[in-house]
Amino acid sequence: MTANKYRDTSASRHTRKSARSLRWRLRILLAVAVAVFAAALTFVLAFVTSLPLPVCALGALAITCALAYAFRRNLFRGEGYDYTNL
């Protein structure tokens, strides 16, 4: 294959400042998603089982955080570096 001599102008890159703000927005979005899913799972566990509400909340929070960690590790693979100089 030959190298493409034309530069790809349609791919836009984020500046360093906007990349940092985008990262914080994604973290806030992930935290909100974890909270909403944990609240929904808490009420499902409390309705289905006869456990008290605080026990259901702790269990739902543990399950939700484990799912968020697994999704984050599988979807955003890398060498494990946190590129703070972006």
C-alpha atoms as a PDB file:
ATOM      1  CA  MET A   1       0.000   0.000   0.000  1.00  0.00           C
ATOM      2  CA  THR A   2       1.156   3.491  -0.670  1.00  0.00           C
ATOM      3  CA  ALA A   3       1.163   6.200   1.910  1.00  0.00           C
ATOM      4  CA  ASN A   4      -1.593   8.748   1.686  1.00  0.00           C
ATOM      5  CA  LYS A   5      -0.078  12.034   0.562  1.00  0.00           C
ATOM      6  CA  TYR A   6      -3.165  14.032   1.548  1.00  0.00           C
ATOM      7  CA  ARG A   7      -3.531  15.240   5.089  1.00  0.00           C
ATOM      8  CA  ASP A   8      -6.780  14.333   6.836  1.00  0.00           C
ATOM      9  CA  THR A   9      -8.367  17.684   7.598  1.00  0.00           C
ATOM     10  CA  SER A  10     -11.700  16.337   8.805  1.00  0.00           C
ATOM     11  CA  ALA A  11     -10.289  14.856  12.015  1.00  0.00           C
ATOM     12  CA  SER A  12     -10.379  17.507  14.700  1.00  0.00           C
ATOM     13  CA  ARG A  13      -8.246  17.290  17.796  1.00  0.00           C
ATOM     14  CA  HIS A  14      -9.059  18.730  21.167  1.00  0.00           C
ATOM     15  CA  THR A  15      -6.731  21.310  22.591  1.00  0.00           C
ATOM     16  CA  ARG A  16      -4.995  20.506  25.870  1.00  0.00           C
ATOM     17  CA  LYS A  17      -7.360  22.671  27.869  1.00  0.00           C
ATOM     18  CA  SER A  18     -10.510  21.278  26.264  1.00  0.00           C
ATOM     19  CA  ALA A  19      -9.240  17.707  26.655  1.00  0.00           C
ATOM     20  CA  ARG A  20      -8.905  18.233  30.414  1.00  0.00           C
ATOM     21  CA  SER A  21     -12.377  19.731  30.670  1.00  0.00           C
ATOM     22  CA  LEU A  22     -13.790  16.909  28.556  1.00  0.00           C
ATOM     23  CA  ARG A  23     -12.206  14.371  30.898  1.00  0.00           C
ATOM     24  CA  TRP A  24     -13.851  16.041  33.923  1.00  0.00           C
ATOM     25  CA  ARG A  25     -17.203  16.111  32.160  1.00  0.00           C
ATOM     26  CA  LEU A  26     -16.963  12.407  31.435  1.00  0.00           C
ATOM     27  CA  ARG A  27     -16.072  11.665  35.059  1.00  0.00           C
ATOM     28  CA  ILE A  28     -19.067  13.669  36.273  1.00  0.00           C
ATOM     29  CA  LEU A  29     -21.291  11.861  33.779  1.00  0.00           C
ATOM     30  CA  LEU A  30     -19.984   8.510  35.016  1.00  0.00           C
ATOM     31  CA  ALA A  31     -20.627   9.494  38.652  1.00  0.00           C
ATOM     32  CA  VAL A  32     -24.200  10.553  37.852  1.00  0.00           C
ATOM     33  CA  ALA A  33     -24.818   7.327  35.944  1.00  0.00           C
ATOM     34  CA  VAL A  34     -23.488   5.283  38.875  1.00  0.00           C
ATOM     35  CA  ALA A  35     -25.719   7.152  41.328  1.00  0.00           C
ATOM     36  CA  VAL A  36     -28.868   6.741  39.212  1.00  0.00           C
ATOM     37  CA  PHE A  37     -28.241   3.053  38.568  1.00  0.00           C
ATOM     38  CA  ALA A  38     -27.444   2.414  42.242  1.00  0.00           C
ATOM     39  CA  ALA A  39     -30.647   4.142  43.338  1.00  0.00           C
ATOM     40  CA  ALA A  40     -32.734   2.111  40.904  1.00  0.00           C
ATOM     41  CA  LEU A  41     -31.034  -1.120  41.932  1.00  0.00           C
ATOM     42  CA  THR A  42     -31.560  -0.274  45.606  1.00  0.00           C
ATOM     43  CA  PHE A  43     -35.317  -0.060  45.195  1.00  0.00           C
ATOM     44  CA  VAL A  44     -35.419  -3.242  43.120  1.00  0.00           C
ATOM     45  CA  LEU A  45     -33.444  -5.131  45.775  1.00  0.00           C
ATOM     46  CA  ALA A  46     -35.619  -3.722  48.565  1.00  0.00           C
ATOM     47  CA  PHE A  47     -38.802  -4.689  46.713  1.00  0.00           C
ATOM     48  CA  VAL A  48     -37.683  -8.196  45.744  1.00  0.00           C
ATOM     49  CA  THR A  49     -35.905  -9.168  48.959  1.00  0.00           C
ATOM     50  CA  SER A  50     -36.846  -8.604  52.588  1.00  0.00           C
ATOM     51  CA  LEU A  51     -33.568  -6.831  53.386  1.00  0.00           C
ATOM     52  CA  PRO A  52     -33.583  -3.382  54.997  1.00  0.00           C
ATOM     53  CA  LEU A  53     -33.102  -0.363  52.749  1.00  0.00           C
ATOM     54  CA  PRO A  54     -29.564   0.570  53.977  1.00  0.00           C
ATOM     55  CA  VAL A  55     -28.294  -2.959  53.296  1.00  0.00           C
ATOM     56  CA  CYS A  56     -29.815  -2.846  49.820  1.00  0.00           C
ATOM     57  CA  ALA A  57     -28.204   0.544  49.211  1.00  0.00           C
ATOM     58  CA  LEU A  58     -24.756  -0.713  50.179  1.00  0.00           C
ATOM     59  CA  GLY A  59     -25.127  -3.821  48.036  1.00  0.00           C
ATOM     60  CA  ALA A  60     -26.372  -1.841  45.058  1.00  0.00           C
ATOM     61  CA  LEU A  61     -23.548   0.675  45.404  1.00  0.00           C
ATOM     62  CA  ALA A  62     -20.960  -2.125  45.524  1.00  0.00           C
ATOM     63  CA  ILE A  63     -22.429  -3.838  42.457  1.00  0.00           C
ATOM     64  CA  THR A  64     -22.710  -0.573  40.533  1.00  0.00           C
ATOM     65  CA  CYS A  65     -19.154   0.522  41.298  1.00  0.00           C
ATOM     66  CA  ALA A  66     -17.841  -2.887  40.257  1.00  0.00           C
ATOM     67  CA  LEU A  67     -19.738  -2.631  36.963  1.00  0.00           C
ATOM     68  CA  ALA A  68     -18.453   0.900  36.338  1.00  0.00           C
ATOM     69  CA  TYR A  69     -14.883  -0.235  37.046  1.00  0.00           C
ATOM     70  CA  ALA A  70     -15.224  -3.212  34.689  1.00  0.00           C
ATOM     71  CA  PHE A  71     -16.707  -1.090  31.900  1.00  0.00           C
ATOM     72  CA  ARG A  72     -14.043   1.562  32.318  1.00  0.00           C
ATOM     73  CA  ARG A  73     -11.200  -0.979  32.229  1.00  0.00           C
ATOM     74  CA  ASN A  74     -12.625  -2.804  29.203  1.00  0.00           C
ATOM     75  CA  LEU A  75     -13.718   0.163  27.121  1.00  0.00           C
ATOM     76  CA  PHE A  76     -10.759   2.442  27.771  1.00  0.00           C
ATOM     77  CA  ARG A  77      -7.794   0.116  27.598  1.00  0.00           C
ATOM     78  CA  GLY A  78      -4.310   1.442  27.567  1.00  0.00           C
ATOM     79  CA  GLU A  79      -0.953   1.080  29.186  1.00  0.00           C
ATOM     80  CA  GLY A  80      -2.376   2.336  32.466  1.00  0.00           C
ATOM     81  CA  TYR A  81      -0.895   5.789  32.169  1.00  0.00           C
ATOM     82  CA  ASP A  82      -2.865   8.810  33.220  1.00  0.00           C
ATOM     83  CA  TYR A  83      -1.854  11.421  30.695  1.00  0.00           C
ATOM     84  CA  THR A  84      -1.942  14.471  32.918  1.00  0.00           C
ATOM     85  CA  ASN A  85       0.111  16.575  30.514  1.00  0.00           C
ATOM     86  CA  LEU A  86      -2.600  16.701  27.838  1.00  0.00           C
END
